[in-house]
N, C-alpha and C. Protein backbone atom coordinates (compact mmCIF):
# COMPACT_ATOMS: atom_id res chain seq x y z
N MET A 1 -138.75 50.87 -17.08
CA MET A 1 -138.75 51.00 -15.62
C MET A 1 -137.94 52.21 -15.17
N LYS A 2 -136.75 52.39 -15.79
CA LYS A 2 -135.90 53.53 -15.44
C LYS A 2 -136.61 54.86 -15.76
N TYR A 3 -137.35 54.85 -16.90
CA TYR A 3 -138.08 56.05 -17.29
C TYR A 3 -139.15 56.39 -16.25
N ILE A 4 -139.85 55.39 -15.76
CA ILE A 4 -140.90 55.61 -14.75
C ILE A 4 -140.28 56.15 -13.47
N LEU A 5 -139.15 55.57 -13.06
CA LEU A 5 -138.47 56.03 -11.85
C LEU A 5 -138.00 57.46 -12.00
N LEU A 6 -137.51 57.79 -13.19
CA LEU A 6 -137.06 59.17 -13.45
C LEU A 6 -138.21 60.16 -13.38
N VAL A 7 -139.34 59.78 -13.96
CA VAL A 7 -140.54 60.63 -13.90
C VAL A 7 -140.99 60.84 -12.47
N LEU A 8 -141.00 59.74 -11.70
CA LEU A 8 -141.40 59.83 -10.29
C LEU A 8 -140.45 60.73 -9.50
N LEU A 9 -139.16 60.62 -9.79
CA LEU A 9 -138.18 61.45 -9.11
C LEU A 9 -138.38 62.92 -9.42
N VAL A 10 -138.64 63.21 -10.71
CA VAL A 10 -138.89 64.59 -11.11
C VAL A 10 -140.16 65.13 -10.45
N LEU A 11 -141.19 64.31 -10.38
CA LEU A 11 -142.44 64.72 -9.74
C LEU A 11 -142.24 65.00 -8.26
N ILE A 12 -141.44 64.15 -7.60
CA ILE A 12 -141.17 64.35 -6.17
C ILE A 12 -140.40 65.66 -5.94
N ILE A 13 -139.41 65.90 -6.81
CA ILE A 13 -138.62 67.13 -6.69
C ILE A 13 -139.51 68.36 -6.90
N LEU A 14 -140.36 68.29 -7.92
CA LEU A 14 -141.26 69.42 -8.20
C LEU A 14 -142.23 69.66 -7.03
N MET A 15 -142.70 68.56 -6.47
CA MET A 15 -143.61 68.67 -5.31
C MET A 15 -142.91 69.30 -4.12
N MET A 16 -141.69 68.89 -3.87
CA MET A 16 -140.92 69.45 -2.76
C MET A 16 -140.65 70.95 -2.98
N LEU A 17 -140.35 71.32 -4.24
CA LEU A 17 -140.12 72.73 -4.56
C LEU A 17 -141.41 73.53 -4.38
N PHE A 18 -142.52 72.95 -4.76
CA PHE A 18 -143.82 73.59 -4.62
C PHE A 18 -144.14 73.84 -3.13
N ILE A 19 -143.93 72.82 -2.32
CA ILE A 19 -144.20 72.95 -0.89
C ILE A 19 -143.26 73.99 -0.26
N ALA A 20 -141.98 73.94 -0.63
CA ALA A 20 -141.00 74.90 -0.08
C ALA A 20 -141.40 76.33 -0.47
N THR A 21 -141.88 76.51 -1.68
CA THR A 21 -142.31 77.83 -2.15
C THR A 21 -143.49 78.33 -1.35
N ILE A 22 -144.46 77.46 -1.08
CA ILE A 22 -145.61 77.85 -0.28
C ILE A 22 -145.18 78.32 1.11
N LEU A 23 -144.32 77.55 1.75
CA LEU A 23 -143.86 77.89 3.09
C LEU A 23 -143.10 79.20 3.10
N LEU A 24 -142.29 79.43 2.08
CA LEU A 24 -141.52 80.68 2.01
C LEU A 24 -142.44 81.88 1.80
N ILE A 25 -143.41 81.72 0.91
CA ILE A 25 -144.35 82.82 0.64
C ILE A 25 -145.10 83.19 1.91
N MET A 26 -145.64 82.20 2.58
CA MET A 26 -146.45 82.46 3.77
C MET A 26 -145.61 83.09 4.88
N GLN A 27 -144.40 82.58 5.09
CA GLN A 27 -143.54 83.12 6.15
C GLN A 27 -143.13 84.55 5.82
N HIS A 28 -142.71 84.79 4.60
CA HIS A 28 -142.24 86.12 4.22
C HIS A 28 -143.37 87.13 4.28
N TYR A 29 -144.53 86.75 3.78
CA TYR A 29 -145.67 87.66 3.77
C TYR A 29 -146.13 87.97 5.19
N GLY A 30 -146.32 86.95 6.00
CA GLY A 30 -146.86 87.16 7.34
C GLY A 30 -145.92 87.91 8.26
N LYS A 31 -144.63 87.64 8.16
CA LYS A 31 -143.66 88.24 9.09
C LYS A 31 -143.60 89.76 8.94
N LYS A 32 -144.00 90.29 7.79
CA LYS A 32 -143.96 91.75 7.58
C LYS A 32 -144.91 92.48 8.51
N TYR A 33 -145.93 91.77 8.99
CA TYR A 33 -146.99 92.41 9.77
C TYR A 33 -146.99 91.99 11.23
N ILE A 34 -145.92 91.37 11.68
CA ILE A 34 -145.79 91.02 13.10
C ILE A 34 -145.24 92.24 13.85
N ILE A 35 -145.95 92.64 14.89
CA ILE A 35 -145.61 93.85 15.65
C ILE A 35 -145.17 93.46 17.05
N ASP A 36 -143.96 93.89 17.42
CA ASP A 36 -143.50 93.67 18.80
C ASP A 36 -143.71 94.89 19.68
N ASP A 37 -143.87 96.04 19.07
CA ASP A 37 -144.09 97.30 19.78
C ASP A 37 -145.43 97.89 19.39
N LEU A 38 -146.42 97.76 20.28
CA LEU A 38 -147.78 98.21 19.99
C LEU A 38 -147.87 99.72 19.77
N SER A 39 -146.92 100.47 20.28
CA SER A 39 -147.00 101.93 20.20
C SER A 39 -146.96 102.43 18.75
N ILE A 40 -146.39 101.63 17.86
CA ILE A 40 -146.29 102.06 16.46
C ILE A 40 -147.52 101.76 15.64
N LEU A 41 -148.49 101.08 16.26
CA LEU A 41 -149.69 100.65 15.55
C LEU A 41 -150.86 101.59 15.80
N ALA A 42 -151.55 101.98 14.73
CA ALA A 42 -152.73 102.82 14.86
C ALA A 42 -153.89 102.00 15.39
N LYS A 43 -154.95 102.67 15.83
CA LYS A 43 -156.11 101.98 16.37
C LYS A 43 -156.82 101.20 15.26
N ILE A 44 -157.30 100.00 15.61
CA ILE A 44 -157.99 99.15 14.63
C ILE A 44 -159.34 98.68 15.23
N ASP A 45 -160.04 97.85 14.48
CA ASP A 45 -161.39 97.45 14.90
C ASP A 45 -161.41 96.54 16.14
N ALA A 46 -160.52 95.54 16.13
CA ALA A 46 -160.61 94.54 17.20
C ALA A 46 -159.30 93.80 17.38
N VAL A 47 -159.16 93.19 18.53
CA VAL A 47 -158.11 92.21 18.73
C VAL A 47 -158.77 90.84 18.67
N ILE A 48 -158.16 89.94 17.90
CA ILE A 48 -158.69 88.58 17.75
C ILE A 48 -157.76 87.63 18.50
N VAL A 49 -158.33 86.95 19.49
CA VAL A 49 -157.55 85.98 20.29
C VAL A 49 -157.92 84.58 19.79
N LEU A 50 -156.96 83.85 19.28
CA LEU A 50 -157.20 82.53 18.74
C LEU A 50 -157.09 81.45 19.83
N GLY A 51 -157.99 80.50 19.78
CA GLY A 51 -158.03 79.44 20.79
C GLY A 51 -156.82 78.51 20.71
N ALA A 52 -156.60 77.76 21.80
CA ALA A 52 -155.46 76.85 21.84
C ALA A 52 -155.73 75.62 22.70
N GLY A 53 -156.87 75.60 23.38
CA GLY A 53 -157.19 74.43 24.20
C GLY A 53 -157.43 74.73 25.65
N VAL A 54 -158.26 73.90 26.27
CA VAL A 54 -158.65 74.05 27.68
C VAL A 54 -158.23 72.79 28.45
N ARG A 55 -157.70 72.99 29.65
CA ARG A 55 -157.31 71.87 30.47
C ARG A 55 -158.51 71.10 31.02
N PRO A 56 -158.30 69.87 31.46
CA PRO A 56 -159.41 69.12 32.06
C PRO A 56 -160.02 69.79 33.27
N ASP A 57 -159.27 70.66 33.98
CA ASP A 57 -159.82 71.33 35.14
C ASP A 57 -160.65 72.58 34.76
N GLY A 58 -160.78 72.83 33.45
CA GLY A 58 -161.61 73.93 33.00
C GLY A 58 -160.88 75.26 32.83
N ASN A 59 -159.58 75.26 33.05
CA ASN A 59 -158.79 76.48 32.87
C ASN A 59 -158.08 76.48 31.51
N PRO A 60 -157.74 77.67 31.01
CA PRO A 60 -157.01 77.71 29.73
C PRO A 60 -155.64 77.06 29.88
N CYS A 61 -155.19 76.37 28.84
CA CYS A 61 -153.81 75.87 28.85
C CYS A 61 -152.87 77.07 28.81
N ASP A 62 -151.60 76.82 29.06
CA ASP A 62 -150.64 77.94 29.11
C ASP A 62 -150.61 78.73 27.81
N LEU A 63 -150.64 78.04 26.69
CA LEU A 63 -150.66 78.72 25.39
C LEU A 63 -151.84 79.68 25.29
N LEU A 64 -153.00 79.19 25.67
CA LEU A 64 -154.21 79.99 25.56
C LEU A 64 -154.23 81.15 26.55
N ALA A 65 -153.83 80.89 27.78
CA ALA A 65 -153.79 81.96 28.79
C ALA A 65 -152.93 83.11 28.33
N ASP A 66 -151.79 82.79 27.73
CA ASP A 66 -150.88 83.86 27.27
C ASP A 66 -151.40 84.56 26.02
N ARG A 67 -152.12 83.85 25.17
CA ARG A 67 -152.75 84.51 24.04
C ARG A 67 -153.82 85.50 24.53
N ILE A 68 -154.59 85.08 25.50
CA ILE A 68 -155.63 85.98 26.05
C ILE A 68 -154.96 87.20 26.68
N LYS A 69 -153.96 86.98 27.50
CA LYS A 69 -153.29 88.08 28.19
C LYS A 69 -152.69 89.06 27.20
N THR A 70 -152.04 88.57 26.17
CA THR A 70 -151.44 89.43 25.17
C THR A 70 -152.49 90.24 24.43
N GLY A 71 -153.59 89.59 24.09
CA GLY A 71 -154.68 90.31 23.41
C GLY A 71 -155.31 91.37 24.27
N VAL A 72 -155.53 91.03 25.53
CA VAL A 72 -156.12 92.00 26.47
C VAL A 72 -155.21 93.19 26.67
N GLU A 73 -153.91 92.96 26.72
CA GLU A 73 -152.97 94.07 26.89
C GLU A 73 -153.04 95.02 25.69
N ALA A 74 -153.25 94.47 24.50
CA ALA A 74 -153.43 95.33 23.33
C ALA A 74 -154.70 96.17 23.46
N TYR A 75 -155.75 95.56 23.95
CA TYR A 75 -156.98 96.31 24.18
C TYR A 75 -156.77 97.42 25.22
N LEU A 76 -156.11 97.08 26.31
CA LEU A 76 -155.88 98.06 27.37
C LEU A 76 -154.93 99.20 26.93
N ASN A 77 -154.16 98.95 25.89
CA ASN A 77 -153.30 99.99 25.32
C ASN A 77 -154.07 100.87 24.32
N ASN A 78 -155.41 100.74 24.35
CA ASN A 78 -156.29 101.57 23.54
C ASN A 78 -156.05 101.36 22.04
N LYS A 79 -155.78 100.14 21.66
CA LYS A 79 -155.54 99.85 20.24
C LYS A 79 -156.81 99.38 19.54
N CYS A 80 -157.88 99.10 20.28
CA CYS A 80 -159.13 98.67 19.68
C CYS A 80 -160.26 98.84 20.70
N ASP A 81 -161.49 98.67 20.23
CA ASP A 81 -162.66 98.79 21.08
C ASP A 81 -163.34 97.45 21.35
N THR A 82 -162.86 96.39 20.69
CA THR A 82 -163.52 95.10 20.76
C THR A 82 -162.51 93.99 20.91
N ILE A 83 -162.89 92.96 21.68
CA ILE A 83 -162.09 91.75 21.78
C ILE A 83 -162.93 90.58 21.24
N LEU A 84 -162.41 89.90 20.24
CA LEU A 84 -163.08 88.73 19.68
C LEU A 84 -162.34 87.48 20.14
N LEU A 85 -163.02 86.63 20.90
CA LEU A 85 -162.44 85.37 21.37
C LEU A 85 -162.96 84.26 20.48
N THR A 86 -162.06 83.55 19.83
CA THR A 86 -162.49 82.53 18.87
C THR A 86 -161.90 81.18 19.22
N GLY A 87 -162.73 80.16 19.14
CA GLY A 87 -162.30 78.81 19.50
C GLY A 87 -163.44 77.84 19.36
N GLU A 88 -163.38 76.74 20.04
CA GLU A 88 -164.37 75.67 19.90
C GLU A 88 -165.38 75.68 21.03
N GLU A 89 -166.66 75.75 20.63
CA GLU A 89 -167.78 75.60 21.57
C GLU A 89 -168.47 74.30 21.23
N LYS A 90 -167.98 73.22 21.83
CA LYS A 90 -168.48 71.89 21.48
C LYS A 90 -169.85 71.63 22.09
N ASP A 91 -169.90 71.73 23.41
CA ASP A 91 -171.15 71.50 24.13
C ASP A 91 -171.00 72.09 25.53
N GLU A 92 -171.88 71.72 26.45
CA GLU A 92 -171.82 72.26 27.82
C GLU A 92 -170.56 71.84 28.56
N THR A 93 -169.99 70.72 28.16
CA THR A 93 -168.81 70.21 28.88
C THR A 93 -167.50 70.80 28.31
N TYR A 94 -167.56 71.37 27.11
CA TYR A 94 -166.34 71.96 26.52
C TYR A 94 -166.73 73.22 25.74
N ASN A 95 -166.46 74.35 26.34
CA ASN A 95 -166.76 75.64 25.70
C ASN A 95 -165.53 76.55 25.86
N GLU A 96 -164.67 76.47 24.90
CA GLU A 96 -163.38 77.16 24.98
C GLU A 96 -163.54 78.68 25.10
N VAL A 97 -164.44 79.23 24.29
CA VAL A 97 -164.57 80.71 24.28
C VAL A 97 -165.17 81.23 25.58
N LEU A 98 -166.06 80.44 26.20
CA LEU A 98 -166.61 80.84 27.48
C LEU A 98 -165.54 80.81 28.57
N VAL A 99 -164.69 79.79 28.52
CA VAL A 99 -163.54 79.73 29.45
C VAL A 99 -162.64 80.96 29.27
N MET A 100 -162.43 81.35 28.04
CA MET A 100 -161.60 82.52 27.76
C MET A 100 -162.22 83.79 28.35
N LYS A 101 -163.52 83.93 28.16
CA LYS A 101 -164.20 85.12 28.69
C LYS A 101 -164.16 85.15 30.21
N ARG A 102 -164.38 84.01 30.84
CA ARG A 102 -164.35 83.95 32.31
C ARG A 102 -162.95 84.27 32.84
N TRP A 103 -161.92 83.84 32.10
CA TRP A 103 -160.55 84.14 32.53
C TRP A 103 -160.31 85.63 32.51
N ILE A 104 -160.82 86.32 31.49
CA ILE A 104 -160.68 87.77 31.42
C ILE A 104 -161.42 88.44 32.57
N LYS A 105 -162.63 88.00 32.84
CA LYS A 105 -163.42 88.58 33.93
C LYS A 105 -162.74 88.41 35.27
N LYS A 106 -162.10 87.28 35.46
CA LYS A 106 -161.41 86.99 36.72
C LYS A 106 -160.14 87.81 36.89
N ASN A 107 -159.41 88.00 35.82
CA ASN A 107 -158.08 88.65 35.88
C ASN A 107 -158.08 90.12 35.50
N TYR A 108 -159.14 90.58 34.84
CA TYR A 108 -159.21 91.99 34.40
C TYR A 108 -160.59 92.55 34.70
N GLU A 109 -160.83 92.85 35.96
CA GLU A 109 -162.13 93.34 36.37
C GLU A 109 -162.50 94.68 35.71
N GLU A 110 -161.49 95.41 35.27
CA GLU A 110 -161.75 96.73 34.66
C GLU A 110 -162.32 96.65 33.26
N ILE A 111 -162.31 95.47 32.66
CA ILE A 111 -162.81 95.34 31.28
C ILE A 111 -164.31 95.05 31.30
N ASP A 112 -165.07 95.86 30.60
CA ASP A 112 -166.51 95.70 30.45
C ASP A 112 -166.77 94.51 29.54
N THR A 113 -167.55 93.54 29.99
CA THR A 113 -167.79 92.36 29.18
C THR A 113 -168.57 92.66 27.90
N ASP A 114 -169.15 93.83 27.80
CA ASP A 114 -169.88 94.20 26.58
C ASP A 114 -168.95 94.35 25.38
N VAL A 115 -167.65 94.53 25.63
CA VAL A 115 -166.72 94.67 24.52
C VAL A 115 -166.17 93.33 24.05
N ILE A 116 -166.55 92.24 24.76
CA ILE A 116 -166.04 90.90 24.45
C ILE A 116 -167.07 90.14 23.61
N PHE A 117 -166.65 89.66 22.44
CA PHE A 117 -167.52 88.87 21.58
C PHE A 117 -166.95 87.48 21.47
N LEU A 118 -167.86 86.48 21.43
CA LEU A 118 -167.45 85.07 21.39
C LEU A 118 -167.80 84.43 20.06
N ASP A 119 -166.86 83.70 19.50
CA ASP A 119 -167.12 82.92 18.29
C ASP A 119 -166.76 81.48 18.55
N GLY A 120 -167.75 80.71 18.92
CA GLY A 120 -167.53 79.31 19.23
C GLY A 120 -167.42 78.40 18.01
N LEU A 121 -167.50 79.00 16.83
CA LEU A 121 -167.36 78.22 15.58
C LEU A 121 -166.03 78.47 14.91
N GLY A 122 -165.11 79.08 15.63
CA GLY A 122 -163.75 79.26 15.10
C GLY A 122 -162.94 78.00 15.29
N LEU A 123 -163.28 76.96 14.55
CA LEU A 123 -162.69 75.65 14.77
C LEU A 123 -161.28 75.52 14.20
N CYS A 124 -160.91 76.41 13.33
CA CYS A 124 -159.56 76.44 12.78
C CYS A 124 -159.23 77.89 12.43
N THR A 125 -157.98 78.14 12.09
CA THR A 125 -157.55 79.51 11.84
C THR A 125 -158.30 80.13 10.67
N TYR A 126 -158.50 79.35 9.61
CA TYR A 126 -159.23 79.88 8.46
C TYR A 126 -160.66 80.26 8.83
N ASP A 127 -161.34 79.37 9.55
CA ASP A 127 -162.72 79.68 9.98
C ASP A 127 -162.77 80.92 10.85
N SER A 128 -161.82 81.06 11.75
CA SER A 128 -161.79 82.22 12.63
C SER A 128 -161.67 83.52 11.86
N MET A 129 -160.79 83.54 10.88
CA MET A 129 -160.58 84.77 10.09
C MET A 129 -161.75 85.03 9.15
N TYR A 130 -162.28 83.99 8.56
CA TYR A 130 -163.42 84.13 7.67
C TYR A 130 -164.62 84.71 8.41
N ARG A 131 -164.87 84.17 9.58
CA ARG A 131 -166.02 84.62 10.36
C ARG A 131 -165.78 86.02 10.95
N ALA A 132 -164.51 86.33 11.23
CA ALA A 132 -164.20 87.66 11.77
C ALA A 132 -164.65 88.74 10.81
N ILE A 133 -164.38 88.56 9.53
CA ILE A 133 -164.74 89.61 8.56
C ILE A 133 -166.19 89.49 8.07
N TYR A 134 -166.69 88.27 7.87
CA TYR A 134 -168.00 88.13 7.27
C TYR A 134 -169.15 88.00 8.26
N ILE A 135 -168.84 87.61 9.49
CA ILE A 135 -169.90 87.50 10.51
C ILE A 135 -169.78 88.67 11.50
N PHE A 136 -168.57 89.00 11.92
CA PHE A 136 -168.38 90.03 12.95
C PHE A 136 -167.99 91.38 12.35
N ASN A 137 -167.89 91.46 11.04
CA ASN A 137 -167.60 92.71 10.32
C ASN A 137 -166.32 93.40 10.80
N ILE A 138 -165.31 92.61 11.06
CA ILE A 138 -164.01 93.15 11.48
C ILE A 138 -163.15 93.35 10.21
N ASN A 139 -162.80 94.58 9.94
CA ASN A 139 -162.01 94.90 8.75
C ASN A 139 -160.53 95.18 9.04
N SER A 140 -160.23 95.42 10.32
CA SER A 140 -158.83 95.60 10.72
C SER A 140 -158.68 94.96 12.09
N ALA A 141 -157.54 94.31 12.31
CA ALA A 141 -157.40 93.54 13.56
C ALA A 141 -155.96 93.34 13.98
N ILE A 142 -155.80 93.16 15.28
CA ILE A 142 -154.54 92.65 15.83
C ILE A 142 -154.83 91.19 16.21
N ILE A 143 -154.02 90.28 15.73
CA ILE A 143 -154.19 88.85 16.02
C ILE A 143 -153.23 88.48 17.13
N SER A 144 -153.78 87.90 18.19
CA SER A 144 -152.94 87.45 19.31
C SER A 144 -152.80 85.93 19.28
N THR A 145 -151.59 85.47 18.98
CA THR A 145 -151.30 84.06 19.00
C THR A 145 -149.79 83.89 19.07
N ASN A 146 -149.31 82.65 19.03
CA ASN A 146 -147.87 82.42 19.17
C ASN A 146 -147.13 82.77 17.88
N ARG A 147 -145.86 83.10 18.04
CA ARG A 147 -145.07 83.59 16.90
C ARG A 147 -145.05 82.58 15.75
N TYR A 148 -144.96 81.28 16.07
CA TYR A 148 -144.91 80.28 15.01
C TYR A 148 -146.20 80.26 14.18
N HIS A 149 -147.29 80.67 14.78
CA HIS A 149 -148.62 80.62 14.19
C HIS A 149 -148.99 81.90 13.46
N LEU A 150 -148.34 83.01 13.81
CA LEU A 150 -148.72 84.32 13.28
C LEU A 150 -148.63 84.46 11.76
N PRO A 151 -147.56 83.99 11.10
CA PRO A 151 -147.50 84.19 9.65
C PRO A 151 -148.72 83.62 8.92
N ARG A 152 -149.15 82.43 9.31
CA ARG A 152 -150.34 81.82 8.66
C ARG A 152 -151.60 82.59 8.98
N ALA A 153 -151.79 82.94 10.25
CA ALA A 153 -152.99 83.67 10.63
C ALA A 153 -153.09 85.02 9.91
N ILE A 154 -151.95 85.72 9.83
CA ILE A 154 -151.93 87.00 9.14
C ILE A 154 -152.17 86.85 7.65
N TYR A 155 -151.54 85.84 7.07
CA TYR A 155 -151.69 85.59 5.63
C TYR A 155 -153.16 85.34 5.30
N ILE A 156 -153.80 84.46 6.05
CA ILE A 156 -155.22 84.16 5.80
C ILE A 156 -156.06 85.39 5.95
N ALA A 157 -155.86 86.12 7.05
CA ALA A 157 -156.67 87.31 7.33
C ALA A 157 -156.55 88.32 6.21
N ARG A 158 -155.34 88.61 5.79
CA ARG A 158 -155.14 89.62 4.76
C ARG A 158 -155.64 89.18 3.40
N ARG A 159 -155.52 87.92 3.09
CA ARG A 159 -156.06 87.41 1.82
C ARG A 159 -157.58 87.48 1.81
N LEU A 160 -158.19 87.38 2.99
CA LEU A 160 -159.65 87.50 3.10
C LEU A 160 -160.12 88.94 3.11
N GLY A 161 -159.20 89.88 3.30
CA GLY A 161 -159.58 91.27 3.28
C GLY A 161 -159.46 92.02 4.59
N ILE A 162 -158.93 91.37 5.63
CA ILE A 162 -158.74 92.04 6.91
C ILE A 162 -157.36 92.68 6.95
N LYS A 163 -157.32 93.95 7.32
CA LYS A 163 -156.01 94.63 7.52
C LYS A 163 -155.47 94.14 8.85
N ALA A 164 -154.72 93.07 8.81
CA ALA A 164 -154.32 92.37 10.02
C ALA A 164 -152.85 92.57 10.39
N TYR A 165 -152.63 92.64 11.68
CA TYR A 165 -151.27 92.64 12.26
C TYR A 165 -151.24 91.57 13.35
N GLY A 166 -150.06 91.13 13.71
CA GLY A 166 -149.96 90.12 14.73
C GLY A 166 -149.07 90.53 15.87
N ILE A 167 -149.45 90.11 17.10
CA ILE A 167 -148.58 90.30 18.25
C ILE A 167 -148.25 88.94 18.85
N PRO A 168 -146.98 88.61 19.00
CA PRO A 168 -146.60 87.31 19.55
C PRO A 168 -147.00 87.18 21.04
N SER A 169 -147.57 86.04 21.36
CA SER A 169 -148.04 85.83 22.74
C SER A 169 -147.12 84.90 23.53
N ASP A 170 -145.89 84.73 23.05
CA ASP A 170 -144.96 83.81 23.70
C ASP A 170 -144.36 84.46 24.95
N LEU A 171 -144.96 84.19 26.08
CA LEU A 171 -144.52 84.82 27.35
C LEU A 171 -143.67 83.89 28.21
N ARG A 172 -143.54 82.62 27.78
CA ARG A 172 -142.75 81.64 28.56
C ARG A 172 -142.50 80.42 27.66
N PRO A 173 -141.68 79.49 28.08
CA PRO A 173 -141.50 78.25 27.33
C PRO A 173 -142.77 77.38 27.43
N TYR A 174 -143.06 76.61 26.37
CA TYR A 174 -144.24 75.76 26.34
C TYR A 174 -143.84 74.33 25.99
N ASP A 175 -144.65 73.40 26.51
CA ASP A 175 -144.44 71.99 26.18
C ASP A 175 -144.85 71.72 24.75
N ARG A 176 -144.26 70.70 24.14
CA ARG A 176 -144.64 70.17 22.82
C ARG A 176 -144.54 71.17 21.67
N MET A 177 -143.68 72.15 21.78
CA MET A 177 -143.57 73.14 20.71
C MET A 177 -143.04 72.55 19.41
N LYS A 178 -142.17 71.55 19.49
CA LYS A 178 -141.68 70.91 18.26
C LYS A 178 -142.84 70.27 17.51
N LYS A 179 -143.73 69.64 18.24
CA LYS A 179 -144.91 69.04 17.62
C LYS A 179 -145.78 70.09 16.99
N TYR A 180 -146.02 71.20 17.68
CA TYR A 180 -146.84 72.27 17.15
C TYR A 180 -146.25 72.84 15.87
N ARG A 181 -144.93 73.01 15.84
CA ARG A 181 -144.29 73.60 14.67
C ARG A 181 -144.35 72.67 13.47
N ARG A 182 -144.22 71.35 13.72
CA ARG A 182 -144.35 70.39 12.61
C ARG A 182 -145.77 70.42 12.06
N ARG A 183 -146.72 70.45 12.95
CA ARG A 183 -148.11 70.51 12.53
C ARG A 183 -148.42 71.80 11.78
N GLU A 184 -147.76 72.87 12.20
CA GLU A 184 -147.97 74.17 11.55
C GLU A 184 -147.55 74.16 10.10
N MET A 185 -146.48 73.44 9.78
CA MET A 185 -146.04 73.37 8.38
C MET A 185 -147.11 72.74 7.50
N LEU A 186 -147.74 71.68 7.97
CA LEU A 186 -148.83 71.07 7.20
C LEU A 186 -150.03 72.00 7.08
N ALA A 187 -150.31 72.71 8.17
CA ALA A 187 -151.44 73.66 8.17
C ALA A 187 -151.20 74.80 7.22
N GLN A 188 -149.94 75.25 7.08
CA GLN A 188 -149.62 76.33 6.16
C GLN A 188 -149.88 75.91 4.72
N ILE A 189 -149.50 74.71 4.37
CA ILE A 189 -149.73 74.22 3.02
C ILE A 189 -151.24 74.12 2.74
N LYS A 190 -151.97 73.54 3.68
CA LYS A 190 -153.43 73.38 3.54
C LYS A 190 -154.10 74.72 3.37
N ASP A 191 -153.80 75.67 4.24
CA ASP A 191 -154.51 76.96 4.22
C ASP A 191 -154.07 77.82 3.04
N PHE A 192 -152.84 77.71 2.59
CA PHE A 192 -152.41 78.43 1.39
C PHE A 192 -153.26 78.00 0.22
N LEU A 193 -153.41 76.70 0.05
CA LEU A 193 -154.22 76.18 -1.06
C LEU A 193 -155.68 76.55 -0.89
N LEU A 194 -156.19 76.43 0.33
CA LEU A 194 -157.59 76.73 0.60
C LEU A 194 -157.92 78.18 0.29
N VAL A 195 -157.12 79.10 0.79
CA VAL A 195 -157.37 80.53 0.59
C VAL A 195 -157.31 80.88 -0.91
N ASN A 196 -156.31 80.40 -1.60
CA ASN A 196 -156.10 80.81 -2.99
C ASN A 196 -157.06 80.12 -3.95
N ILE A 197 -157.41 78.88 -3.67
CA ILE A 197 -158.43 78.21 -4.52
C ILE A 197 -159.77 78.89 -4.36
N LYS A 198 -160.14 79.25 -3.13
CA LYS A 198 -161.41 79.94 -2.93
C LYS A 198 -161.41 81.32 -3.57
N ARG A 199 -160.28 81.99 -3.58
CA ARG A 199 -160.18 83.32 -4.24
C ARG A 199 -160.35 83.16 -5.76
N LEU A 200 -159.76 82.13 -6.33
CA LEU A 200 -159.90 81.88 -7.75
C LEU A 200 -161.35 81.61 -8.11
N LYS A 201 -162.02 80.79 -7.31
CA LYS A 201 -163.43 80.49 -7.58
C LYS A 201 -164.30 81.73 -7.47
N LYS A 202 -163.98 82.58 -6.48
CA LYS A 202 -164.76 83.79 -6.23
C LYS A 202 -164.65 84.76 -7.41
N HIS A 203 -163.51 84.80 -8.09
CA HIS A 203 -163.30 85.76 -9.15
C HIS A 203 -163.60 85.21 -10.54
N LYS A 204 -164.10 83.99 -10.61
CA LYS A 204 -164.49 83.41 -11.91
C LYS A 204 -165.80 84.02 -12.36
């Protein structure tokens, strides 16, 4: 019995070390490419704005509105020629990317809607980055999302082959951030394994 407990304890410790290593790798790797000053960044293919949710009244939640605003500002700073809005297009009653596009049209009349592309199948960060490179042919990008989310988004994008940088969209305090950060830790583990397992299969 003691031997079994010892083995279980060792396995738990190894698992905790494995998880901690994943989180450290993703954080260290992603943080290198977070940009706070757009002036130092050369022009790239597109800005990718990641979805965050729509309110019952049909408007973007605060997180999403600030992600859109931050991404649009990068576009207006002449850092790219295309804006890719990615999120969930469930049905006629819930179309996140269309809400995002309408928000831009309402608040930035100077932006030609021809430069805005919608990806309603960006149901998660991995899907958004995968489709950005393989469906929309984006090889370099600025990712607009919250600082806690950027290391994972950048890590996925770069492992898939996108020369990606991130700009934090945190323009104000947000509700439920502790919950989002806890959820982000689980998502980092999942996506680290997903990206690297798929890479191993691809190179076999």
